[in-house]
Amino acid sequence: MLEKVNSGTITHIKVDGDNIFKYLFLAFGVAIKGFEFIRKVVGIDGTFLKSQYKGVLLVATAQDGNGQCYPIAWGITDSENEDAWTWFLSKLKEVIGDSDELAFISDMALSIKKK
């Protein structure tokens, strides 16, 4: 649905063999297009969701020319681990590409540090 009403939006959902939710990735088309004009320093982090559903919210952000936070992509995973970060970062790479100009900032969580 989001991809139909928001041109260029990318979504991915992954489930396990029993059709149980594992990962969600979301990047709005307008954010993807705008990234071309943003500083190529990307902050990535995760935070625990404390609702009845649990899980982890992963985010990738940058900074615009006015010093404001520029959201690039979001993910929801079952836990913050190496597999979840690998999946999220592979989807992020599909969105923003790979370049020598890119720099990443993180809190150096062990699951990110292995990447």
Protein backbone atom coordinates (compact mmCIF):
# COMPACT_ATOMS: atom_id res chain seq x y z
CA MET A 1 0.00 0.00 0.00
CA LEU A 2 2.72 2.51 0.95
CA GLU A 3 4.56 1.89 -2.30
CA LYS A 4 1.41 2.72 -4.29
CA VAL A 5 0.64 6.05 -2.59
CA ASN A 6 4.26 7.17 -2.00
CA SER A 7 6.22 6.99 -5.25
CA GLY A 8 9.66 5.42 -4.90
CA THR A 9 9.00 4.05 -1.41
CA ILE A 10 10.74 0.76 -0.64
CA THR A 11 9.41 -1.76 1.85
CA HIS A 12 10.59 -5.27 2.70
CA ILE A 13 9.12 -7.76 5.13
CA LYS A 14 10.80 -11.00 6.12
CA VAL A 15 9.13 -13.87 7.94
CA ASP A 16 10.56 -17.17 9.14
CA GLY A 17 9.59 -20.66 7.95
CA ASP A 18 6.49 -20.64 10.17
CA ASN A 19 5.36 -17.30 8.68
CA ILE A 20 6.27 -15.47 11.92
CA PHE A 21 7.49 -11.88 11.60
CA LYS A 22 11.27 -11.34 11.64
CA TYR A 23 12.11 -8.01 9.95
CA LEU A 24 10.55 -4.93 8.36
CA PHE A 25 12.39 -2.29 6.32
CA LEU A 26 10.87 1.03 5.24
CA ALA A 27 12.32 3.94 3.28
CA PHE A 28 10.01 6.61 1.88
CA GLY A 29 10.62 7.59 -1.74
CA VAL A 30 10.97 11.28 -0.93
CA ALA A 31 13.71 10.50 1.63
CA ILE A 32 15.53 8.32 -0.88
CA LYS A 33 15.44 11.04 -3.54
CA GLY A 34 16.48 13.74 -1.08
CA PHE A 35 19.49 11.76 0.18
CA GLU A 36 21.33 12.80 -2.99
CA PHE A 37 21.56 16.32 -1.52
CA ILE A 38 22.37 15.37 2.08
CA ARG A 39 25.73 15.10 3.83
CA LYS A 40 27.00 11.56 3.38
CA VAL A 41 27.33 10.83 7.10
CA VAL A 42 24.75 8.27 8.20
CA GLY A 43 23.90 7.57 11.82
CA ILE A 44 22.55 4.12 12.61
CA ASP A 45 21.11 2.97 15.91
CA GLY A 46 18.54 0.71 17.48
CA THR A 47 16.22 0.99 20.44
CA PHE A 48 14.07 -1.58 22.17
CA LEU A 49 10.31 -1.47 21.70
CA LYS A 50 8.67 -2.00 25.06
CA SER A 51 5.10 -2.63 23.96
CA GLN A 52 3.33 -5.95 24.11
CA TYR A 53 4.92 -6.85 20.77
CA LYS A 54 8.55 -6.25 21.83
CA GLY A 55 11.24 -6.09 19.15
CA VAL A 56 13.75 -3.43 18.14
CA LEU A 57 13.41 -0.25 16.08
CA LEU A 58 16.44 0.34 13.82
CA VAL A 59 16.98 3.73 12.18
CA ALA A 60 19.30 5.32 9.65
CA THR A 61 19.49 9.12 9.64
CA ALA A 62 21.65 11.86 8.20
CA GLN A 63 21.89 15.62 8.64
CA ASP A 64 20.53 18.15 6.17
CA GLY A 65 22.06 21.50 5.23
CA ASN A 66 20.27 23.22 8.13
CA GLY A 67 21.73 20.80 10.67
CA GLN A 68 18.39 19.03 11.09
CA CYS A 69 17.88 15.30 11.41
CA TYR A 70 17.04 13.71 8.04
CA PRO A 71 15.41 10.28 8.30
CA ILE A 72 16.48 7.80 5.64
CA ALA A 73 15.10 4.43 6.69
CA TRP A 74 13.48 2.52 9.53
CA GLY A 75 13.43 -1.12 10.43
CA ILE A 76 11.69 -3.27 12.98
CA THR A 77 13.31 -6.55 13.96
CA ASP A 78 12.63 -9.31 16.43
CA SER A 79 15.90 -8.55 18.25
CA GLU A 80 19.09 -6.49 17.89
CA ASN A 81 21.59 -9.05 16.69
CA GLU A 82 24.07 -9.61 13.89
CA ASP A 83 21.51 -11.18 11.52
CA ALA A 84 19.05 -8.30 12.00
CA TRP A 85 21.71 -5.63 11.41
CA THR A 86 23.08 -7.50 8.38
CA TRP A 87 19.59 -7.62 6.85
CA PHE A 88 18.83 -3.96 7.66
CA LEU A 89 22.17 -2.69 6.33
CA SER A 90 21.84 -4.75 3.13
CA LYS A 91 18.44 -3.14 2.49
CA LEU A 92 19.86 0.30 3.33
CA LYS A 93 22.63 -0.30 0.79
CA GLU A 94 19.98 -0.97 -1.86
CA VAL A 95 18.47 2.43 -1.04
CA ILE A 96 21.51 4.71 -0.70
CA GLY A 97 24.13 2.70 -2.57
CA ASP A 98 27.77 2.37 -1.63
CA SER A 99 30.38 5.07 -2.01
CA ASP A 100 33.77 6.07 -0.66
CA GLU A 101 32.05 9.32 0.40
CA LEU A 102 29.79 7.51 2.89
CA ALA A 103 30.64 7.48 6.59
CA PHE A 104 28.66 5.69 9.29
CA ILE A 105 28.26 6.62 12.93
CA SER A 106 26.97 4.10 15.48
CA ASP A 107 27.04 3.33 19.17
CA MET A 108 29.37 0.42 18.37
CA ALA A 109 26.95 -2.25 19.53
CA LEU A 110 28.63 -5.62 19.17
CA SER A 111 26.20 -6.69 16.44
CA ILE A 112 27.04 -3.57 14.39
CA LYS A 113 30.75 -3.69 15.14
CA LYS A 114 31.04 -7.07 13.38
CA LYS A 115 29.91 -5.53 10.07
